[in-house]
Amino acid sequence: MVTGYAIEARGLRKSYGDVHVLEGVDLSVERGTMFALLGPNGAGKTTTVRILSTLLDADGGTVTVNGHDVAGRKRKVREQIGLTGQDTAVDELLTARENLEMMARLFHLSAAAAKSRAVELLAQFDLVDAADRPVKTYSGGMRRRLDLAISLITSPPVLFLDEPTTGLDPRSRSAMWDAIRELLSNGTTILLTTQYLDEADQLADRIAVIDKGRVVAEGTAAELKRKVGTERLKLEFATAAEAARAHQIVGGVVLDTAVSVGIDQPAEVRRVLNQVADAGLETTGIELSEPTLDDVFTTLTGTAGEKR
């Protein structure tokens, strides 16, 4: 049955011996939208993508992609998807054109259709000038764009991007973002995993924060930010020990020599400051700001995400 969701997962579980990687993950991704899985290393993001894209069998739960059951109809699901993993899957001795034509032929396109599709993708991903150079001469950003182009040879309606911009410089990341936005504008459904907070904030329609194999929060970026208060009060101290003492008194999250506390009402600012002062602690700096995805990430997972 085809629903409004391009991807649905219910109760997804995966373990390796005594190590529980996924513990009942639920996801629903609407057609034509970008859904981001945000979480620290080891949270279960890549395992989730590998199961959704048929590369790994789940121990429990159900998954459908475009209405097709991943466990029972792997071949049909693979006809619906494209995948760009964390490592580029290109032949460095071949040119970009040769890589694209070779992969197109493996997807059973005719020789003429393979050449035509290669030309289209080289133009779409700004690789025309380097089309006939060996890939080993490419920058990291160019390789990632080629890898993404290869995953789109058959114009799949669903695309999985597993940390596609990791290790790229800001300019290359920006180029990848532009390519991803174009795919979204053309109706492609995209599931993205990332550690970069700004990436999820800029690109995703909805975000799920995953930690230790569980989805700990889900919503739009604005909804997630509201979960940690309408504002954040950050108190700086001279030492980490003082910050730890303040944390015991007012709660929030410890950030080295600072404490960040969620604030929902203006009166709470005075209350927090009075509590700190009554405990004999002296602040070296005070900052009030709107919450960010970094605040969400840190509050929910206890670790800081990448903001570059």
Protein backbone atom coordinates (compact mmCIF):
# COMPACT_ATOMS: atom_id res chain seq x y z
CA MET A 1 0.00 0.00 0.00
CA VAL A 2 1.37 3.41 -0.97
CA THR A 3 0.94 6.02 1.76
CA GLY A 4 1.93 9.64 2.09
CA TYR A 5 5.27 8.49 3.44
CA ALA A 6 8.17 7.55 1.20
CA ILE A 7 9.98 5.88 4.10
CA GLU A 8 8.41 4.27 7.17
CA ALA A 9 10.20 2.39 9.93
CA ARG A 10 8.54 0.92 13.00
CA GLY A 11 10.31 -0.64 15.98
CA LEU A 12 13.64 -0.99 14.20
CA ARG A 13 16.12 -3.06 16.23
CA LYS A 14 19.68 -4.20 15.57
CA SER A 15 22.28 -5.76 17.87
CA TYR A 16 25.75 -7.21 17.52
CA GLY A 17 26.08 -9.70 20.35
CA ASP A 18 25.48 -7.77 23.57
CA VAL A 19 25.81 -4.39 21.85
CA HIS A 20 22.38 -2.90 21.09
CA VAL A 21 22.86 -0.52 18.15
CA LEU A 22 19.18 0.25 17.49
CA GLU A 23 16.48 -0.11 20.11
CA GLY A 24 13.04 0.48 18.60
CA VAL A 25 13.59 3.29 16.10
CA ASP A 26 10.45 4.78 14.48
CA LEU A 27 10.70 7.08 11.44
CA SER A 28 8.22 8.52 8.94
CA VAL A 29 9.48 10.55 5.97
CA GLU A 30 6.97 12.38 3.80
CA ARG A 31 7.39 12.30 0.03
CA GLY A 32 9.40 15.12 -1.50
CA THR A 33 10.90 16.24 1.81
CA MET A 34 14.28 16.17 3.50
CA PHE A 35 14.47 14.26 6.80
CA ALA A 36 17.69 14.53 8.82
CA LEU A 37 19.02 12.04 11.34
CA LEU A 38 21.18 14.03 13.72
CA GLY A 39 23.34 12.37 16.34
CA PRO A 40 26.86 11.79 17.69
CA ASN A 41 29.23 9.10 16.42
CA GLY A 42 27.97 5.65 17.31
CA ALA A 43 24.37 6.80 17.77
CA GLY A 44 23.03 4.39 15.13
CA LYS A 45 22.63 6.71 12.15
CA THR A 46 24.60 4.68 9.60
CA THR A 47 23.11 1.39 10.80
CA THR A 48 19.66 2.85 10.25
CA VAL A 49 20.53 3.93 6.70
CA ARG A 50 22.06 0.54 5.89
CA ILE A 51 18.85 -1.20 6.98
CA LEU A 52 16.58 1.24 5.12
CA SER A 53 18.63 0.83 1.95
CA THR A 54 18.61 -3.03 2.09
CA LEU A 55 22.33 -3.36 2.86
CA LEU A 56 21.73 -4.79 6.33
CA ASP A 57 18.96 -6.91 7.82
CA ALA A 58 17.21 -5.71 10.96
CA ASP A 59 16.76 -7.97 13.96
CA GLY A 60 13.24 -6.66 14.44
CA GLY A 61 10.73 -4.09 13.23
CA THR A 62 9.37 -3.25 9.80
CA VAL A 63 10.51 -0.90 7.03
CA THR A 64 8.81 0.18 3.81
CA VAL A 65 10.20 2.37 1.03
CA ASN A 66 7.63 3.74 -1.41
CA GLY A 67 5.23 1.14 -0.09
CA HIS A 68 7.59 -1.82 -0.62
CA ASP A 69 8.69 -3.98 2.29
CA VAL A 70 12.48 -3.82 2.68
CA ALA A 71 12.77 -7.32 4.14
CA GLY A 72 10.63 -9.10 1.56
CA ARG A 73 11.11 -7.05 -1.61
CA LYS A 74 14.74 -5.95 -1.60
CA ARG A 75 15.06 -5.89 -5.38
CA LYS A 76 11.99 -3.69 -5.77
CA VAL A 77 13.24 -1.33 -3.06
CA ARG A 78 16.64 -1.05 -4.74
CA GLU A 79 14.89 0.11 -7.91
CA GLN A 80 13.44 3.01 -5.90
CA ILE A 81 16.54 4.32 -4.14
CA GLY A 82 19.94 5.91 -4.51
CA LEU A 83 22.66 5.86 -1.84
CA THR A 84 25.68 8.03 -1.19
CA GLY A 85 27.72 6.60 1.68
CA GLN A 86 30.41 8.14 3.87
CA ASP A 87 33.16 6.92 1.52
CA THR A 88 33.16 7.70 -2.18
CA ALA A 89 32.49 4.70 -4.41
CA VAL A 90 34.23 5.76 -7.61
CA ASP A 91 37.08 4.31 -9.66
CA GLU A 92 39.94 6.78 -9.31
CA LEU A 93 41.71 5.51 -12.44
CA LEU A 94 38.72 6.32 -14.65
CA THR A 95 37.43 9.73 -15.62
CA ALA A 96 34.14 11.08 -14.30
CA ARG A 97 32.53 10.43 -17.68
CA GLU A 98 33.79 6.85 -17.72
CA ASN A 99 32.58 6.24 -14.15
CA LEU A 100 29.11 7.51 -14.99
CA GLU A 101 28.83 5.59 -18.26
CA MET A 102 30.08 2.38 -16.64
CA MET A 103 27.57 2.61 -13.79
CA ALA A 104 24.76 3.48 -16.19
CA ARG A 105 25.52 0.34 -18.21
CA LEU A 106 25.45 -1.69 -14.98
CA PHE A 107 21.94 -0.30 -14.47
CA HIS A 108 21.08 -1.75 -17.92
CA LEU A 109 20.95 1.52 -19.84
CA SER A 110 21.87 1.22 -23.49
CA ALA A 111 25.24 2.59 -24.61
CA ALA A 112 23.56 5.65 -26.14
CA ALA A 113 21.39 6.23 -23.06
CA ALA A 114 24.41 5.84 -20.77
CA LYS A 115 26.37 8.48 -22.69
CA SER A 116 23.38 10.85 -22.66
CA ARG A 117 22.77 10.41 -18.93
CA ALA A 118 26.46 10.98 -18.18
CA VAL A 119 26.36 14.29 -20.07
CA GLU A 120 23.29 15.39 -18.10
CA LEU A 121 24.81 14.55 -14.73
CA LEU A 122 28.19 16.12 -15.51
CA ALA A 123 26.38 19.38 -16.26
CA GLN A 124 24.08 19.11 -13.23
CA PHE A 125 27.00 18.67 -10.82
CA ASP A 126 29.37 21.17 -12.44
CA LEU A 127 31.89 18.57 -13.59
CA VAL A 128 31.93 19.30 -17.32
CA ASP A 129 35.38 20.93 -17.34
CA ALA A 130 36.88 17.97 -15.45
CA ALA A 131 34.79 15.27 -17.15
CA ASP A 132 37.73 13.62 -18.95
CA ARG A 133 40.32 13.88 -16.18
CA PRO A 134 41.12 10.84 -14.01
CA VAL A 135 39.18 11.03 -10.74
CA LYS A 136 42.43 10.63 -8.79
CA THR A 137 43.16 14.27 -9.72
CA TYR A 138 39.89 15.51 -8.20
CA SER A 139 39.45 17.42 -4.95
CA GLY A 140 37.40 15.89 -2.15
CA GLY A 141 34.43 18.06 -3.03
CA MET A 142 34.52 17.05 -6.69
CA ARG A 143 34.65 13.36 -5.75
CA ARG A 144 31.64 13.75 -3.48
CA ARG A 145 29.68 15.48 -6.25
CA LEU A 146 30.57 12.66 -8.64
CA ASP A 147 29.54 10.09 -6.05
CA LEU A 148 26.19 11.84 -5.66
CA ALA A 149 25.78 11.98 -9.44
CA ILE A 150 26.37 8.22 -9.69
CA SER A 151 23.65 7.57 -7.10
CA LEU A 152 21.21 9.51 -9.32
CA ILE A 153 21.81 7.71 -12.63
CA THR A 154 18.34 6.14 -12.58
CA SER A 155 16.65 9.26 -11.13
CA PRO A 156 15.51 7.42 -7.99
CA PRO A 157 12.56 8.93 -6.09
CA VAL A 158 14.25 8.23 -2.73
CA LEU A 159 17.84 9.13 -1.88
CA PHE A 160 19.89 8.23 1.20
CA LEU A 161 22.80 10.52 2.03
CA ASP A 162 25.03 9.21 4.83
CA GLU A 163 27.14 12.14 6.07
CA PRO A 164 27.81 13.34 2.50
CA THR A 165 29.79 16.46 3.44
CA THR A 166 32.07 15.04 6.15
CA GLY A 167 35.62 16.27 5.64
CA LEU A 168 34.75 18.82 2.96
CA ASP A 169 35.90 22.44 3.08
CA PRO A 170 33.20 25.14 3.45
CA ARG A 171 33.11 25.93 -0.28
CA SER A 172 32.67 22.27 -1.24
CA ARG A 173 30.01 21.81 1.43
CA SER A 174 28.12 24.80 0.06
CA ALA A 175 28.23 23.30 -3.45
CA MET A 176 26.86 20.01 -2.11
CA TRP A 177 24.08 21.88 -0.31
CA ASP A 178 23.10 23.57 -3.58
CA ALA A 179 22.99 20.19 -5.34
CA ILE A 180 20.85 18.72 -2.57
CA ARG A 181 18.43 21.67 -2.65
CA GLU A 182 18.00 21.22 -6.40
CA LEU A 183 17.12 17.56 -5.90
CA LEU A 184 14.53 18.53 -3.30
CA SER A 185 13.01 21.11 -5.61
CA ASN A 186 12.57 18.35 -8.20
CA GLY A 187 10.59 16.20 -5.76
CA THR A 188 13.23 13.75 -4.54
CA THR A 189 12.70 12.40 -1.02
CA ILE A 190 15.97 12.58 0.92
CA LEU A 191 17.04 11.02 4.20
CA LEU A 192 20.25 12.65 5.42
CA THR A 193 22.49 11.66 8.30
CA THR A 194 24.83 14.30 9.63
CA GLN A 195 26.80 15.49 12.64
CA TYR A 196 26.72 19.07 11.35
CA LEU A 197 24.08 21.10 13.14
CA ASP A 198 23.94 23.86 10.54
CA GLU A 199 23.45 21.27 7.79
CA ALA A 200 20.33 19.87 9.43
CA ASP A 201 19.10 23.37 10.29
CA GLN A 202 19.53 24.66 6.73
CA LEU A 203 18.33 21.66 4.70
CA ALA A 204 15.89 19.50 6.65
CA ASP A 205 12.11 19.79 6.78
CA ARG A 206 12.12 17.54 9.85
CA ILE A 207 14.88 16.32 12.15
CA ALA A 208 15.16 13.29 14.42
CA VAL A 209 17.84 13.36 17.11
CA ILE A 210 19.12 9.82 17.64
CA ASP A 211 21.30 8.79 20.57
CA LYS A 212 22.35 5.33 21.76
CA GLY A 213 20.06 3.64 19.30
CA ARG A 214 16.92 5.56 20.20
CA VAL A 215 15.13 8.58 18.73
CA VAL A 216 15.15 11.04 21.65
CA ALA A 217 13.37 13.91 19.87
CA GLU A 218 11.76 14.67 16.52
CA GLY A 219 10.27 17.74 14.87
CA THR A 220 11.11 20.76 12.77
CA ALA A 221 14.20 22.74 13.74
CA ALA A 222 11.97 25.37 15.37
CA GLU A 223 10.04 22.74 17.34
CA LEU A 224 13.22 21.12 18.62
CA LYS A 225 14.66 24.46 19.69
CA ARG A 226 11.52 25.18 21.71
CA LYS A 227 12.08 21.93 23.62
CA VAL A 228 15.04 23.52 25.40
CA GLY A 229 13.31 26.81 26.24
CA THR A 230 12.39 29.95 24.37
CA GLU A 231 15.79 31.41 25.33
CA ARG A 232 19.11 30.17 26.73
CA LEU A 233 20.94 31.79 29.61
CA LYS A 234 24.66 31.07 29.54
CA LEU A 235 26.67 31.74 32.70
CA GLU A 236 30.47 31.80 32.50
CA PHE A 237 32.67 31.02 35.49
CA ALA A 238 36.40 31.19 36.19
CA THR A 239 36.78 27.43 36.57
CA ALA A 240 35.11 24.20 35.50
CA ALA A 241 34.61 23.33 39.17
CA GLU A 242 32.51 26.45 39.70
CA ALA A 243 30.47 25.64 36.60
CA ALA A 244 29.85 22.13 37.96
CA ARG A 245 28.63 23.60 41.29
CA ALA A 246 26.32 26.00 39.46
CA HIS A 247 24.96 23.09 37.42
CA GLN A 248 24.02 21.27 40.65
CA ILE A 249 22.05 24.32 41.74
CA VAL A 250 20.32 25.56 38.57
CA GLY A 251 20.46 22.52 36.26
CA GLY A 252 20.99 23.04 32.54
CA VAL A 253 24.03 21.78 30.65
CA VAL A 254 27.70 22.16 31.60
CA LEU A 255 29.92 23.51 28.80
CA ASP A 256 33.49 23.47 30.14
CA THR A 257 33.57 26.56 32.39
CA ALA A 258 29.98 27.59 31.64
CA VAL A 259 26.41 26.48 32.32
CA SER A 260 23.60 26.87 29.78
CA VAL A 261 20.05 26.97 31.17
CA GLY A 262 16.72 27.01 29.35
CA ILE A 263 14.56 30.07 30.07
CA ASP A 264 10.83 30.24 29.35
CA GLN A 265 9.90 33.37 31.33
CA PRO A 266 11.88 36.62 31.86
CA ALA A 267 11.50 36.23 35.65
CA GLU A 268 13.50 33.01 35.49
CA VAL A 269 16.65 34.97 34.59
CA ARG A 270 16.61 36.80 37.92
CA ARG A 271 15.79 33.58 39.78
CA VAL A 272 18.79 31.74 38.27
CA LEU A 273 21.15 34.65 38.91
CA ASN A 274 19.98 34.94 42.52
CA GLN A 275 20.47 31.19 43.10
CA VAL A 276 24.02 31.39 41.79
CA ALA A 277 24.81 34.48 43.87
CA ASP A 278 23.30 32.97 47.03
CA ALA A 279 25.66 30.00 46.58
CA GLY A 280 28.64 32.36 46.63
CA LEU A 281 29.47 31.83 42.96
CA GLU A 282 30.63 34.76 40.85
CA THR A 283 30.01 34.80 37.12
CA THR A 284 32.60 36.13 34.68
CA GLY A 285 30.09 36.51 31.86
CA ILE A 286 26.36 36.33 31.17
CA GLU A 287 24.73 35.81 27.77
CA LEU A 288 21.04 35.50 26.86
CA SER A 289 20.25 34.18 23.39
CA GLU A 290 17.73 32.24 21.34
CA PRO A 291 18.24 28.46 21.44
CA THR A 292 20.10 26.75 18.60
CA LEU A 293 20.27 23.16 17.41
CA ASP A 294 23.55 23.00 19.31
CA ASP A 295 21.61 23.56 22.52
CA VAL A 296 19.14 20.85 21.52
CA PHE A 297 21.91 18.42 20.60
CA THR A 298 23.90 19.03 23.77
CA THR A 299 20.87 18.88 26.05
CA LEU A 300 19.53 15.66 24.55
CA THR A 301 22.77 13.75 23.93
CA GLY A 302 25.21 15.25 26.42
CA THR A 303 27.71 15.93 23.60
CA ALA A 304 28.41 18.85 21.31
CA GLY A 305 27.67 18.57 17.61
CA GLU A 306 29.70 19.89 14.70
CA LYS A 307 28.81 23.48 13.79
CA ARG A 308 31.32 24.27 11.05
